Amino acid sequence: SFVKALGAIVGTHQPCDALALEIDGTEYFAVSYPHQGCIKLFQQSSQEQWPGDISYDRESLAFESKKIKPAEMACTGKELLFLHWIMPLARSGEIVVMETSSIPFKPLRTLDTQFPIITDICVLPALRGDSLVICSVSNRGVYAIDISGNCYWRFGRDEIANIVAGGVCSDGRGHVYVADKENHVVHVLWHDGKVSNH
């Protein structure tokens, strides 16, 4: 099966995150390997063979930092965003932005969010204006930033006491879901950072 074949390929290499994306009409999934310092692409249509397996390592990216270790990823449709670790088990607040319209991916820039640690990211599709990147920043809550790194809104301890934000995700209706590890709940927010009752 598809799941069994995929597990056989990525299961022994300590993958961190995976996401689906389309490139030139072909569906792929990208898998990040922080300990290997790379992202690999697999074609979704093939269950036995995986043509188009492409690896990105630190040296192949045109940035000054040679310590790029991709972890959590999010995709806007035209750009692949991924975090990197700067040391084992510690994520930095820098997001690397890569263009995914063709293979190989083209590194565009880095976003220095000024956050000490980011635990997860997701993309909130544009309802008005540009898409926003939602950053989970542990005990600071979550922040919505644009593709240039400007902060639009924050949802944190001013709104919810003792919040410790873990995973974040969004849907096509403009909701953001925040897993709160301290309060054992999932907060549902609107695209503007306000709490949703639905």
Protein backbone atom coordinates (compact mmCIF):
# COMPACT_ATOMS: atom_id res chain seq x y z
CA SER A 1 0.00 0.00 0.00
CA PHE A 2 0.96 3.66 -0.30
CA VAL A 3 1.36 4.06 3.46
CA LYS A 4 3.45 0.91 3.80
CA ALA A 5 5.73 1.92 0.93
CA LEU A 6 6.19 5.40 2.33
CA GLY A 7 6.97 4.07 5.78
CA ALA A 8 9.63 1.76 4.40
CA ILE A 9 11.43 4.70 2.79
CA VAL A 10 11.31 7.40 5.46
CA GLY A 11 10.89 5.34 8.62
CA THR A 12 14.54 4.73 9.44
CA HIS A 13 15.94 8.20 8.74
CA GLN A 14 14.33 10.23 11.56
CA PRO A 15 12.00 12.44 9.51
CA CYS A 16 10.52 15.46 11.29
CA ASP A 17 7.72 16.77 9.07
CA ALA A 18 6.02 16.12 5.74
CA LEU A 19 3.73 18.06 3.44
CA ALA A 20 2.16 17.66 0.00
CA LEU A 21 2.80 20.09 -2.84
CA GLU A 22 2.32 20.31 -6.58
CA ILE A 23 5.17 21.22 -8.93
CA ASP A 24 4.53 21.64 -12.68
CA GLY A 25 1.34 19.58 -12.43
CA THR A 26 3.01 16.71 -10.56
CA GLU A 27 2.12 15.92 -6.96
CA TYR A 28 4.97 15.42 -4.53
CA PHE A 29 5.45 15.22 -0.82
CA ALA A 30 8.41 16.78 0.92
CA VAL A 31 9.96 15.24 4.03
CA SER A 32 12.36 17.11 6.31
CA TYR A 33 15.33 15.38 7.95
CA PRO A 34 16.89 17.72 10.54
CA HIS A 35 19.65 15.33 11.56
CA GLN A 36 20.72 14.89 7.95
CA GLY A 37 20.26 18.59 7.22
CA CYS A 38 18.09 18.04 4.15
CA ILE A 39 14.64 17.90 2.58
CA LYS A 40 13.76 15.06 0.22
CA LEU A 41 11.05 15.03 -2.42
CA PHE A 42 9.02 11.96 -3.34
CA GLN A 43 6.58 11.67 -6.22
CA GLN A 44 3.13 10.73 -4.95
CA SER A 45 1.98 8.78 -8.03
CA SER A 46 4.57 6.01 -7.68
CA GLN A 47 4.09 3.46 -4.92
CA GLU A 48 7.09 1.25 -5.70
CA GLN A 49 9.63 3.62 -7.16
CA TRP A 50 10.13 7.20 -6.10
CA PRO A 51 11.54 9.13 -9.06
CA GLY A 52 12.29 12.77 -8.41
CA ASP A 53 13.83 12.08 -5.00
CA ILE A 54 15.76 15.30 -4.42
CA SER A 55 17.89 16.11 -1.43
CA TYR A 56 18.87 19.55 -0.17
CA ASP A 57 21.73 19.91 2.23
CA ARG A 58 23.32 22.85 4.03
CA GLU A 59 25.99 23.42 1.42
CA SER A 60 23.50 23.60 -1.46
CA LEU A 61 21.71 26.62 0.00
CA ALA A 62 23.14 30.02 -0.78
CA PHE A 63 23.06 31.36 2.76
CA GLU A 64 25.88 32.32 5.06
CA SER A 65 24.73 29.86 7.70
CA LYS A 66 26.00 26.34 7.11
CA LYS A 67 23.96 24.94 9.99
CA ILE A 68 20.61 24.69 8.21
CA LYS A 69 18.64 21.80 9.64
CA PRO A 70 15.07 21.84 8.29
CA ALA A 71 12.34 20.84 10.70
CA GLU A 72 8.68 21.94 10.57
CA MET A 73 7.45 23.03 7.14
CA ALA A 74 4.52 24.94 5.67
CA CYS A 75 3.65 25.75 2.07
CA THR A 76 1.94 28.82 0.60
CA GLY A 77 1.55 27.22 -2.82
CA LYS A 78 4.42 29.14 -4.41
CA GLU A 79 6.91 29.10 -1.57
CA LEU A 80 8.00 26.39 0.82
CA LEU A 81 8.78 27.64 4.29
CA PHE A 82 10.81 25.63 6.74
CA LEU A 83 12.43 26.16 10.08
CA HIS A 84 15.86 24.96 10.95
CA TRP A 85 17.53 23.77 14.11
CA ILE A 86 20.65 25.54 15.27
CA MET A 87 21.51 22.84 17.78
CA PRO A 88 20.09 19.43 18.67
CA LEU A 89 16.53 19.63 19.99
CA ALA A 90 16.50 23.46 19.90
CA ARG A 91 14.73 25.26 17.10
CA SER A 92 15.66 28.77 16.11
CA GLY A 93 13.37 31.65 15.22
CA GLU A 94 14.64 31.90 11.67
CA ILE A 95 12.49 30.72 8.75
CA VAL A 96 14.06 29.88 5.40
CA VAL A 97 11.88 30.68 2.38
CA MET A 98 12.29 28.69 -0.82
CA GLU A 99 10.50 29.02 -4.16
CA THR A 100 8.87 25.74 -5.18
CA SER A 101 7.59 26.51 -8.68
CA SER A 102 10.27 24.27 -10.18
CA ILE A 103 12.90 21.73 -9.19
CA PRO A 104 15.46 22.35 -7.82
CA PHE A 105 13.96 24.77 -5.33
CA LYS A 106 15.37 28.27 -5.34
CA PRO A 107 16.30 29.74 -1.93
CA LEU A 108 14.80 33.23 -1.72
CA ARG A 109 15.53 34.66 1.72
CA THR A 110 15.36 34.10 5.44
CA LEU A 111 12.83 35.64 7.79
CA ASP A 112 14.32 36.51 11.14
CA THR A 113 11.24 36.53 13.34
CA GLN A 114 13.16 37.57 16.49
CA PHE A 115 11.44 34.70 18.32
CA PRO A 116 13.86 32.67 20.46
CA ILE A 117 12.20 29.34 19.73
CA ILE A 118 9.49 28.34 17.24
CA THR A 119 7.85 24.97 17.80
CA ASP A 120 5.58 24.81 14.73
CA ILE A 121 4.39 26.81 11.72
CA CYS A 122 1.44 26.75 9.36
CA VAL A 123 0.13 28.94 6.56
CA LEU A 124 -3.19 30.76 6.88
CA PRO A 125 -4.56 31.10 3.33
CA ALA A 126 -5.33 34.64 2.22
CA LEU A 127 -8.89 35.79 2.77
CA ARG A 128 -7.91 39.40 2.20
CA GLY A 129 -4.44 40.41 1.11
CA ASP A 130 -1.47 38.08 1.49
CA SER A 131 -1.25 34.74 3.23
CA LEU A 132 0.01 34.77 6.81
CA VAL A 133 2.45 32.42 8.48
CA ILE A 134 1.34 31.34 11.94
CA CYS A 135 4.24 30.73 14.32
CA SER A 136 3.85 28.78 17.55
CA VAL A 137 6.24 30.26 20.12
CA SER A 138 5.70 28.02 23.15
CA ASN A 139 4.87 30.07 26.28
CA ARG A 140 4.53 33.27 24.25
CA GLY A 141 1.54 31.91 22.32
CA VAL A 142 1.15 32.26 18.55
CA TYR A 143 2.02 35.06 16.15
CA ALA A 144 0.76 35.80 12.64
CA ILE A 145 3.41 37.25 10.36
CA ASP A 146 3.39 38.12 6.67
CA ILE A 147 5.86 36.87 4.12
CA SER A 148 8.16 39.79 4.93
CA GLY A 149 8.24 39.00 8.65
CA ASN A 150 5.88 41.79 9.82
CA CYS A 151 3.67 40.80 12.76
CA TYR A 152 -0.08 41.17 12.21
CA TRP A 153 -1.45 39.80 15.47
CA ARG A 154 -0.54 37.81 18.56
CA PHE A 155 -2.54 35.40 20.71
CA GLY A 156 -0.83 34.68 24.01
CA ARG A 157 -0.97 34.98 27.79
CA ASP A 158 -2.85 38.27 27.68
CA GLU A 159 -5.72 36.27 26.21
CA ILE A 160 -5.24 32.85 27.84
CA ALA A 161 -3.48 32.35 31.17
CA ASN A 162 -0.49 29.98 31.14
CA ILE A 163 -0.80 29.16 27.45
CA VAL A 164 1.96 26.93 26.07
CA ALA A 165 1.42 26.72 22.33
CA GLY A 166 2.37 23.48 20.63
CA GLY A 167 1.16 22.47 17.19
CA VAL A 168 -0.74 24.87 14.94
CA CYS A 169 -2.77 24.34 11.76
CA SER A 170 -5.37 26.18 9.69
CA ASP A 171 -8.26 25.45 7.36
CA GLY A 172 -9.64 27.02 4.19
CA ARG A 173 -12.31 28.95 6.11
CA GLY A 174 -9.80 31.17 7.88
CA HIS A 175 -9.57 29.35 11.20
CA VAL A 176 -6.36 28.76 13.13
CA TYR A 177 -6.15 25.83 15.57
CA VAL A 178 -3.70 26.07 18.45
CA ALA A 179 -2.87 23.09 20.67
CA ASP A 180 -2.34 24.40 24.22
CA LYS A 181 -0.13 21.91 26.06
CA GLU A 182 -0.54 23.54 29.48
CA ASN A 183 -4.33 24.01 29.53
CA HIS A 184 -5.03 20.76 27.58
CA VAL A 185 -7.31 22.43 25.04
CA VAL A 186 -7.31 23.44 21.37
CA HIS A 187 -8.03 27.13 20.80
CA VAL A 188 -9.92 28.01 17.61
CA LEU A 189 -9.15 31.48 16.25
CA TRP A 190 -10.35 33.55 13.34
CA HIS A 191 -7.88 34.84 10.74
CA ASP A 192 -7.60 38.07 12.74
CA GLY A 193 -6.53 36.29 15.92
CA LYS A 194 -9.89 36.58 17.69
CA VAL A 195 -11.39 33.53 19.41
CA SER A 196 -13.97 31.75 17.25
CA ASN A 197 -17.10 30.27 18.79
CA HIS A 198 -17.55 27.81 15.93
